[in-house]
Amino acid sequence: MMQQLTAARAVRTGIGRSATVIAPWANRRDADDLARLSPALGTALGAEVRADLIGDIDLAAARTRVAGPVIFSLRSTAYQGAATDGPQARSQRLTSAAARGFDLVDLEFDHDLVPDVLAEIPAPRRLVSWHGTVSELRTHIAKMTAVPAAMYRLTVAAQSFVDALQPLQLLATLHRDDVTAFGTGPAAAFGRVLAPWFGAPVVFGGSDGPATRELLTDYPFPRLPSLDGLYLFVVDSNGTPSPGYRLGSGAGTDLQPPATPTNVRVIR
């Protein structure tokens, strides 16, 4: 299962690249959607099982609904989740998930990188995650990648469009194929979509958009066709369109925030 997570190489042309689509599995509706979407996508569709919301589901049952990688996530309240387990109980659930055969186990940078957990979960089965503020973003990447893992995920609470650009700018400078970074919140939904063109090996569906079905119907995933450029179109508070801003070339290395007018909303 792990080869799908490294399929998206950090080659900026986009030619021949693809990104595994990771769908959230947080309720019964998510499970039914996976069962409907999986036959057409095969191993290009995976799932992030939100154990903090639905409990420790049977992995064999999960395999009947999705052919791609299955991630076990016990997201804590500090990381915008619902898990309130104490340290010992949390460690036991994480190591149990690895023992049961989940392809990746989500380890929170601030809570889970303890000797007992790292000893039981080998590096190829680790997804190291961090969630915080934009100002902290670049200070954490070096510390995170010092811990061997299959993949790293950084998310930030984006309060504005400019905030939401910061994770993409980070990806553009890293030139790595094992890191994804994006903002959370309504202003940052576009970052989930664009992250694979900046080297991320996966695209995560989310409750704050776009949903998995939207990723597959409104965008070319799992394919990553070459991009000639990135543009932002905005409207003012009266609904009047403003000129489009060119954010950078398809290579992404010159991505810069535009001089965005006040009182605008991003049109996706």
Foldseek 3Di string as FASTA:
>chain_A
DLVLQLQLALDLQLPPGFAQAEAEDQDPVSQVVLQVPAVVQAQSYEYEYACLRVNDDQVVVVCNRHRHAYEYEPDPVVRVGRHDDDLVVVLVVQLVVVVSPHQAYEAEPVRRPDPVSPVSHDARRYEYEYEEALVCVVVCPVVRVVDRHQAYEYEYADPALQSQCSQLLVLQPPSGQRYFYGYDALSTQVSLLCRSSSRYRHRYADPSDDHSVCCVPVHPHRRRHGFQFDWWWKAAQVRHTDDIDTQGGSSSNRGDDDPDDPRIGTDD
